[in-house]
C-alpha atoms as a PDB file:
ATOM      1  CA  MET A   1      -8.567   3.462  16.576  1.00  0.00           C
ATOM      2  CA  GLN A   2      -6.238   3.689  13.665  1.00  0.00           C
ATOM      3  CA  LEU A   3      -7.964   0.416  12.161  1.00  0.00           C
ATOM      4  CA  ILE A   4     -11.342   2.021  13.223  1.00  0.00           C
ATOM      5  CA  TYR A   5     -10.278   5.035  11.134  1.00  0.00           C
ATOM      6  CA  LEU A   6      -8.696   2.862   8.405  1.00  0.00           C
ATOM      7  CA  VAL A   7     -12.588   0.887   7.991  1.00  0.00           C
ATOM      8  CA  LEU A   8     -14.201   4.404   8.020  1.00  0.00           C
ATOM      9  CA  CYS A   9     -12.163   5.951   5.147  1.00  0.00           C
ATOM     10  CA  VAL A  10     -13.051   2.886   3.136  1.00  0.00           C
ATOM     11  CA  ILE A  11     -16.839   3.255   4.342  1.00  0.00           C
ATOM     12  CA  GLY A  12     -16.280   7.010   3.125  1.00  0.00           C
ATOM     13  CA  ALA A  13     -15.007   6.529  -0.076  1.00  0.00           C
ATOM     14  CA  ALA A  14     -17.278   3.568  -0.988  1.00  0.00           C
ATOM     15  CA  LEU A  15     -20.558   4.861  -0.390  1.00  0.00           C
ATOM     16  CA  PRO A  16     -20.665   8.349  -2.036  1.00  0.00           C
ATOM     17  CA  LEU A  17     -18.397   7.153  -4.945  1.00  0.00           C
ATOM     18  CA  SER A  18     -21.736   4.077  -5.393  1.00  0.00           C
ATOM     19  CA  GLN A  19     -23.781   6.687  -5.677  1.00  0.00           C
ATOM     20  CA  PHE A  20     -21.924   9.832  -7.755  1.00  0.00           C
ATOM     21  CA  ILE A  21     -19.875   6.476 -10.348  1.00  0.00           C
ATOM     22  CA  PRO A  22     -23.482   5.747 -11.923  1.00  0.00           C
ATOM     23  CA  TRP A  23     -24.083   9.272 -12.211  1.00  0.00           C
ATOM     24  CA  LEU A  24     -21.248  10.441 -13.584  1.00  0.00           C
ATOM     25  CA  SER A  25     -21.606   7.330 -16.028  1.00  0.00           C
ATOM     26  CA  ALA A  26     -24.702   8.049 -17.491  1.00  0.00           C
ATOM     27  CA  ASN A  27     -24.424  11.981 -17.384  1.00  0.00           C
ATOM     28  CA  GLY A  28     -20.580  12.930 -18.120  1.00  0.00           C
ATOM     29  CA  LEU A  29     -19.159  15.871 -15.525  1.00  0.00           C
ATOM     30  CA  ASN A  30     -22.290  17.976 -16.509  1.00  0.00           C
ATOM     31  CA  MET A  31     -21.869  20.753 -13.977  1.00  0.00           C
ATOM     32  CA  PRO A  32     -25.280  22.564 -14.830  1.00  0.00           C
ATOM     33  CA  LEU A  33     -27.448  19.575 -14.202  1.00  0.00           C
ATOM     34  CA  LEU A  34     -25.480  18.258 -11.235  1.00  0.00           C
ATOM     35  CA  LEU A  35     -26.116  21.831  -9.099  1.00  0.00           C
ATOM     36  CA  GLN A  36     -29.418  21.411 -10.592  1.00  0.00           C
ATOM     37  CA  GLN A  37     -30.314  18.248  -9.212  1.00  0.00           C
ATOM     38  CA  ALA A  38     -28.440  18.859  -5.911  1.00  0.00           C
ATOM     39  CA  ILE A  39     -30.865  21.605  -5.044  1.00  0.00           C
ATOM     40  CA  ALA A  40     -34.056  20.042  -6.981  1.00  0.00           C
ATOM     41  CA  THR A  41     -35.745  19.758  -3.549  1.00  0.00           C
ATOM     42  CA  PRO A  42     -35.698  21.411  -0.116  1.00  0.00           C
ATOM     43  CA  VAL A  43     -34.132  17.880   1.218  1.00  0.00           C
ATOM     44  CA  SER A  44     -31.438  17.648  -1.075  1.00  0.00           C
ATOM     45  CA  ALA A  45     -30.287  21.556  -0.660  1.00  0.00           C
ATOM     46  CA  PHE A  46     -30.212  20.985   2.840  1.00  0.00           C
ATOM     47  CA  ALA A  47     -28.324  17.825   2.530  1.00  0.00           C
ATOM     48  CA  TRP A  48     -25.905  20.226   0.634  1.00  0.00           C
ATOM     49  CA  ALA A  49     -25.575  22.617   2.886  1.00  0.00           C
ATOM     50  CA  ASP A  50     -24.407  20.481   5.602  1.00  0.00           C
ATOM     51  CA  VAL A  51     -22.257  18.775   3.159  1.00  0.00           C
ATOM     52  CA  LEU A  52     -20.360  22.204   2.676  1.00  0.00           C
ATOM     53  CA  VAL A  53     -20.138  23.362   5.887  1.00  0.00           C
ATOM     54  CA  SER A  54     -18.760  19.950   7.226  1.00  0.00           C
ATOM     55  CA  GLY A  55     -16.521  20.281   4.459  1.00  0.00           C
ATOM     56  CA  ILE A  56     -15.281  23.511   5.431  1.00  0.00           C
ATOM     57  CA  ALA A  57     -15.106  22.604   9.180  1.00  0.00           C
ATOM     58  CA  VAL A  58     -12.886  19.639   8.272  1.00  0.00           C
ATOM     59  CA  LEU A  59     -11.003  21.405   5.741  1.00  0.00           C
ATOM     60  CA  VAL A  60     -10.174  24.558   8.829  1.00  0.00           C
ATOM     61  CA  PHE A  61      -9.480  20.922  10.991  1.00  0.00           C
ATOM     62  CA  ILE A  62      -6.894  19.850   8.943  1.00  0.00           C
ATOM     63  CA  ALA A  63      -4.815  22.719   8.692  1.00  0.00           C
ATOM     64  CA  VAL A  64      -5.115  24.074  12.341  1.00  0.00           C
ATOM     65  CA  GLU A  65      -4.736  20.729  13.974  1.00  0.00           C
ATOM     66  CA  GLY A  66      -2.230  19.381  11.315  1.00  0.00           C
ATOM     67  CA  ARG A  67       0.588  22.623  11.804  1.00  0.00           C
ATOM     68  CA  ARG A  68       0.120  22.573  15.870  1.00  0.00           C
ATOM     69  CA  LEU A  69       1.389  19.185  15.822  1.00  0.00           C
ATOM     70  CA  ALA A  70       3.422  19.961  12.497  1.00  0.00           C
ATOM     71  CA  MET A  71       2.282  17.199  10.422  1.00  0.00           C
ATOM     72  CA  ARG A  72       3.120  16.652   7.312  1.00  0.00           C
ATOM     73  CA  ARG A  73       1.044  15.601   4.080  1.00  0.00           C
ATOM     74  CA  LEU A  74      -1.673  17.551   4.896  1.00  0.00           C
ATOM     75  CA  TRP A  75      -2.438  17.397   0.913  1.00  0.00           C
ATOM     76  CA  ILE A  76      -3.655  14.388   1.310  1.00  0.00           C
ATOM     77  CA  PRO A  77      -6.698  14.651   3.521  1.00  0.00           C
ATOM     78  CA  ALA A  78      -7.575  17.553   1.764  1.00  0.00           C
ATOM     79  CA  ALA A  79      -7.405  16.371  -2.069  1.00  0.00           C
ATOM     80  CA  CYS A  80      -9.850  13.406  -0.275  1.00  0.00           C
ATOM     81  CA  MET A  81     -11.983  16.202  -0.150  1.00  0.00           C
ATOM     82  CA  LEU A  82     -13.265  15.655  -4.052  1.00  0.00           C
ATOM     83  CA  VAL A  83     -14.749  13.063  -2.554  1.00  0.00           C
ATOM     84  CA  GLY A  84     -16.232  14.753   0.247  1.00  0.00           C
ATOM     85  CA  PRO A  85     -16.183  15.030   3.971  1.00  0.00           C
ATOM     86  CA  SER A  86     -17.020  11.696   4.594  1.00  0.00           C
ATOM     87  CA  LEU A  87     -12.793  10.402   3.704  1.00  0.00           C
ATOM     88  CA  ALA A  88     -11.321  13.477   4.220  1.00  0.00           C
ATOM     89  CA  LEU A  89     -12.268  13.921   8.286  1.00  0.00           C
ATOM     90  CA  PRO A  90     -11.317   9.840   8.745  1.00  0.00           C
ATOM     91  CA  THR A  91      -8.160  10.227   6.407  1.00  0.00           C
ATOM     92  CA  PHE A  92      -6.804  12.819   8.407  1.00  0.00           C
ATOM     93  CA  LEU A  93      -7.818  11.276  12.017  1.00  0.00           C
ATOM     94  CA  LEU A  94      -5.977   8.272  10.541  1.00  0.00           C
ATOM     95  CA  MET A  95      -2.838  10.279   9.676  1.00  0.00           C
ATOM     96  CA  ARG A  96      -3.048  11.665  12.970  1.00  0.00           C
ATOM     97  CA  GLU A  97      -3.312   8.615  15.432  1.00  0.00           C
ATOM     98  CA  ARG A  98      -0.213   7.440  13.013  1.00  0.00           C
ATOM     99  CA  HIS A  99       1.636  10.627  13.822  1.00  0.00           C
ATOM    100  CA  LEU A 100       0.906  10.591  18.180  1.00  0.00           C
ATOM    101  CA  ALA A 101       1.848   7.013  17.934  1.00  0.00           C
ATOM    102  CA  ALA A 102       5.011   7.811  16.340  1.00  0.00           C
ATOM    103  CA  THR A 103       5.677  11.014  18.201  1.00  0.00           C
ATOM    104  CA  PRO A 104       7.609  10.509  21.131  1.00  0.00           C
ATOM    105  CA  SER A 105       5.433  11.964  24.350  1.00  0.00           C
ATOM    106  CA  GLN A 106       6.505  14.313  26.735  1.00  0.00           C
ATOM    107  CA  SER A 107       6.476  14.077  29.795  1.00  0.00           C
ATOM    108  CA  VAL A 108       4.471  17.197  31.741  1.00  0.00           C
END
């Protein structure tokens, strides 16, 4: 699973950034224009609403599951939200897999 999550991290960073970096190069960090274009059509507004709700869910999951497992460096996947949930979630899942692999299992 770690390899799958790592591949998803690369894809989750590459795909969104491949669209945003050219826009940023052409327009600079023009937030009003970014917001205007993000909600320009009902389909784009739908997509951004979905990303917003997904991002909140990912942040809650990182906080709750990370604390439950006593994971360290939870700021890393949270910071990945600067790219989006497509990077933050697989980053957290990769860190979780590594944490679980390093934690001795308790016999029940």
